[in-house]
C-alpha atoms as a PDB file:
ATOM      1  CA  MET A   1     -12.009 -60.692 -25.106  1.00  0.00           C
ATOM      2  CA  SER A   2     -12.641 -60.921 -28.823  1.00  0.00           C
ATOM      3  CA  ILE A   3     -15.317 -63.252 -30.145  1.00  0.00           C
ATOM      4  CA  LEU A   4     -14.676 -65.309 -33.256  1.00  0.00           C
ATOM      5  CA  LYS A   5     -17.477 -66.473 -35.539  1.00  0.00           C
ATOM      6  CA  ASP A   6     -17.320 -68.339 -38.852  1.00  0.00           C
ATOM      7  CA  ARG A   7     -18.470 -67.029 -42.229  1.00  0.00           C
ATOM      8  CA  VAL A   8     -19.193 -63.417 -41.256  1.00  0.00           C
ATOM      9  CA  LYS A   9     -18.566 -61.076 -44.188  1.00  0.00           C
ATOM     10  CA  GLU A  10     -20.208 -57.844 -45.319  1.00  0.00           C
ATOM     11  CA  THR A  11     -19.497 -54.948 -47.622  1.00  0.00           C
ATOM     12  CA  THR A  12     -19.063 -51.268 -46.842  1.00  0.00           C
ATOM     13  CA  THR A  13     -18.660 -48.043 -48.771  1.00  0.00           C
ATOM     14  CA  THR A  14     -17.461 -46.126 -45.698  1.00  0.00           C
ATOM     15  CA  THR A  15     -14.550 -43.750 -46.273  1.00  0.00           C
ATOM     16  CA  GLY A  16     -12.020 -42.295 -43.839  1.00  0.00           C
ATOM     17  CA  THR A  17     -10.595 -43.608 -40.574  1.00  0.00           C
ATOM     18  CA  GLY A  18     -13.714 -43.798 -38.411  1.00  0.00           C
ATOM     19  CA  SER A  19     -16.271 -46.475 -37.688  1.00  0.00           C
ATOM     20  CA  VAL A  20     -17.434 -48.605 -40.611  1.00  0.00           C
ATOM     21  CA  THR A  21     -21.112 -48.829 -41.568  1.00  0.00           C
ATOM     22  CA  LEU A  22     -21.860 -52.391 -42.642  1.00  0.00           C
ATOM     23  CA  ALA A  23     -23.963 -52.673 -45.794  1.00  0.00           C
ATOM     24  CA  GLY A  24     -25.082 -56.311 -45.773  1.00  0.00           C
ATOM     25  CA  ALA A  25     -23.737 -59.826 -45.958  1.00  0.00           C
ATOM     26  CA  ASP A  26     -22.205 -61.308 -49.089  1.00  0.00           C
ATOM     27  CA  THR A  27     -24.049 -64.274 -50.564  1.00  0.00           C
ATOM     28  CA  GLY A  28     -23.338 -67.393 -48.518  1.00  0.00           C
ATOM     29  CA  PHE A  29     -22.112 -65.428 -45.495  1.00  0.00           C
ATOM     30  CA  ARG A  30     -23.695 -64.086 -42.307  1.00  0.00           C
ATOM     31  CA  ALA A  31     -24.142 -60.455 -41.286  1.00  0.00           C
ATOM     32  CA  PHE A  32     -22.401 -59.121 -38.170  1.00  0.00           C
ATOM     33  CA  SER A  33     -25.872 -58.330 -36.777  1.00  0.00           C
ATOM     34  CA  THR A  34     -26.866 -62.013 -36.780  1.00  0.00           C
ATOM     35  CA  VAL A  35     -23.948 -63.180 -34.611  1.00  0.00           C
ATOM     36  CA  PHE A  36     -22.855 -60.217 -32.471  1.00  0.00           C
ATOM     37  CA  SER A  37     -24.549 -58.184 -29.744  1.00  0.00           C
ATOM     38  CA  VAL A  38     -23.955 -54.504 -29.039  1.00  0.00           C
ATOM     39  CA  GLY A  39     -20.506 -54.064 -27.505  1.00  0.00           C
ATOM     40  CA  ASP A  40     -19.140 -57.444 -28.613  1.00  0.00           C
ATOM     41  CA  GLN A  41     -15.554 -57.238 -29.794  1.00  0.00           C
ATOM     42  CA  THR A  42     -14.109 -59.244 -32.666  1.00  0.00           C
ATOM     43  CA  TYR A  43     -11.080 -59.348 -34.928  1.00  0.00           C
ATOM     44  CA  TYR A  44     -11.714 -57.975 -38.413  1.00  0.00           C
ATOM     45  CA  THR A  45     -10.186 -57.349 -41.799  1.00  0.00           C
ATOM     46  CA  ILE A  46     -11.257 -54.522 -44.085  1.00  0.00           C
ATOM     47  CA  ALA A  47      -9.942 -54.788 -47.649  1.00  0.00           C
ATOM     48  CA  ASN A  48     -10.346 -52.870 -50.876  1.00  0.00           C
ATOM     49  CA  ALA A  49      -9.426 -55.226 -53.736  1.00  0.00           C
ATOM     50  CA  THR A  50      -9.296 -52.333 -56.219  1.00  0.00           C
ATOM     51  CA  THR A  51      -6.747 -50.169 -54.373  1.00  0.00           C
ATOM     52  CA  GLY A  52      -4.952 -52.801 -52.277  1.00  0.00           C
ATOM     53  CA  GLU A  53      -5.787 -50.987 -49.033  1.00  0.00           C
ATOM     54  CA  PHE A  54      -6.276 -53.303 -46.063  1.00  0.00           C
ATOM     55  CA  GLU A  55      -6.484 -53.262 -42.291  1.00  0.00           C
ATOM     56  CA  VAL A  56      -6.505 -56.076 -39.710  1.00  0.00           C
ATOM     57  CA  GLY A  57      -7.511 -55.200 -36.179  1.00  0.00           C
ATOM     58  CA  ARG A  58      -9.920 -55.458 -33.269  1.00  0.00           C
ATOM     59  CA  GLY A  59     -13.294 -53.765 -33.375  1.00  0.00           C
ATOM     60  CA  SER A  60     -16.540 -53.424 -31.461  1.00  0.00           C
ATOM     61  CA  TYR A  61     -19.980 -54.086 -32.955  1.00  0.00           C
ATOM     62  CA  SER A  62     -22.708 -51.468 -32.512  1.00  0.00           C
ATOM     63  CA  GLY A  63     -26.431 -52.085 -32.765  1.00  0.00           C
ATOM     64  CA  THR A  64     -26.598 -49.525 -35.561  1.00  0.00           C
ATOM     65  CA  ASN A  65     -24.817 -52.019 -37.856  1.00  0.00           C
ATOM     66  CA  THR A  66     -21.504 -50.297 -37.289  1.00  0.00           C
ATOM     67  CA  LEU A  67     -18.065 -51.684 -36.519  1.00  0.00           C
ATOM     68  CA  SER A  68     -15.862 -49.359 -34.456  1.00  0.00           C
ATOM     69  CA  ARG A  69     -12.171 -49.778 -35.237  1.00  0.00           C
ATOM     70  CA  LEU A  70     -10.461 -50.002 -31.822  1.00  0.00           C
ATOM     71  CA  GLU A  71      -6.955 -51.298 -32.516  1.00  0.00           C
ATOM     72  CA  VAL A  72      -4.958 -51.957 -35.694  1.00  0.00           C
ATOM     73  CA  TYR A  73      -2.481 -54.855 -35.823  1.00  0.00           C
ATOM     74  CA  THR A  74      -1.377 -54.603 -39.435  1.00  0.00           C
ATOM     75  CA  SER A  75      -2.379 -52.471 -42.402  1.00  0.00           C
ATOM     76  CA  SER A  76      -1.348 -51.047 -45.743  1.00  0.00           C
ATOM     77  CA  ASN A  77      -0.787 -47.741 -43.897  1.00  0.00           C
ATOM     78  CA  SER A  78       2.325 -48.719 -41.907  1.00  0.00           C
ATOM     79  CA  ASN A  79       0.138 -50.637 -39.424  1.00  0.00           C
ATOM     80  CA  ALA A  80      -1.978 -47.566 -38.609  1.00  0.00           C
ATOM     81  CA  LEU A  81      -5.645 -46.821 -39.348  1.00  0.00           C
ATOM     82  CA  VAL A  82      -6.250 -46.743 -43.083  1.00  0.00           C
ATOM     83  CA  ASN A  83      -7.924 -43.668 -44.530  1.00  0.00           C
ATOM     84  CA  PHE A  84     -10.142 -45.665 -46.887  1.00  0.00           C
ATOM     85  CA  GLY A  85     -11.130 -43.985 -50.115  1.00  0.00           C
ATOM     86  CA  ALA A  86     -14.299 -44.336 -52.155  1.00  0.00           C
ATOM     87  CA  GLY A  87     -15.474 -47.696 -53.389  1.00  0.00           C
ATOM     88  CA  THR A  88     -16.756 -50.952 -52.011  1.00  0.00           C
ATOM     89  CA  LYS A  89     -14.670 -52.767 -49.405  1.00  0.00           C
ATOM     90  CA  ILE A  90     -15.183 -56.144 -47.760  1.00  0.00           C
ATOM     91  CA  VAL A  91     -15.288 -56.492 -43.963  1.00  0.00           C
ATOM     92  CA  PHE A  92     -14.947 -59.909 -42.400  1.00  0.00           C
ATOM     93  CA  VAL A  93     -14.176 -61.670 -39.124  1.00  0.00           C
ATOM     94  CA  THR A  94     -10.643 -63.066 -39.034  1.00  0.00           C
ATOM     95  CA  TYR A  95      -8.113 -64.601 -36.663  1.00  0.00           C
ATOM     96  CA  PRO A  96      -5.015 -62.350 -36.880  1.00  0.00           C
ATOM     97  CA  ALA A  97      -1.616 -64.005 -36.994  1.00  0.00           C
ATOM     98  CA  ASP A  98      -0.410 -61.431 -34.447  1.00  0.00           C
ATOM     99  CA  ARG A  99      -2.912 -62.801 -31.914  1.00  0.00           C
ATOM    100  CA  SER A 100      -2.681 -66.498 -32.725  1.00  0.00           C
ATOM    101  CA  VAL A 101      -1.839 -69.483 -30.565  1.00  0.00           C
ATOM    102  CA  THR A 102      -0.289 -72.373 -32.520  1.00  0.00           C
ATOM    103  CA  ASP A 103       1.970 -75.420 -32.331  1.00  0.00           C
ATOM    104  CA  ASP A 104       5.489 -74.886 -33.572  1.00  0.00           C
ATOM    105  CA  THR A 105       7.369 -77.702 -35.378  1.00  0.00           C
ATOM    106  CA  ALA A 106       8.558 -79.145 -32.032  1.00  0.00           C
ATOM    107  CA  ALA A 107       4.937 -79.395 -30.790  1.00  0.00           C
ATOM    108  CA  ALA A 108       5.528 -76.562 -28.332  1.00  0.00           C
ATOM    109  CA  LEU A 109       2.902 -73.932 -27.719  1.00  0.00           C
ATOM    110  CA  ALA A 110       3.667 -70.643 -29.497  1.00  0.00           C
ATOM    111  CA  ILE A 111       1.830 -67.417 -28.736  1.00  0.00           C
ATOM    112  CA  ALA A 112       2.119 -64.473 -31.127  1.00  0.00           C
ATOM    113  CA  LEU A 113       1.555 -61.068 -29.519  1.00  0.00           C
ATOM    114  CA  GLY A 114       2.483 -58.275 -31.818  1.00  0.00           C
ATOM    115  CA  GLY A 115       4.279 -58.024 -35.124  1.00  0.00           C
END
C-alpha cells in the first residue's frame, strides 16, 4: 500500500536510473524524512524543468534519505525508468492518474489501473 502525504517536496541532483538521494525540502514544503518511515511506499514524481525529463511512479523511502524507484507508471522515457542527467530535479509526493479512484460524470465509481 502506498502512503499519501500533503506538501512533501525535495530536490535532488541524482543522475542515472537508480535510487534518488533527497537533498532537502523546498521552502514551504516538508521533507520525506519528516513524514515517512523506513520501508514506507509512496507515489512520486521526479521532474527536471530544464530538460523536460519526468517520471511518475511508486517508490520506497529509506532511512538514508533515499527514495528507491520501484515501479514507473508514466515517464518521458516511454514509461520506463528515466536516465536522469545532471542538474537539479524536484521530487514530490503525488497521486497518479493511473492509480486514481474518481467519480465519472454519471456519479459512478471509476478506478484507473494502468495507462
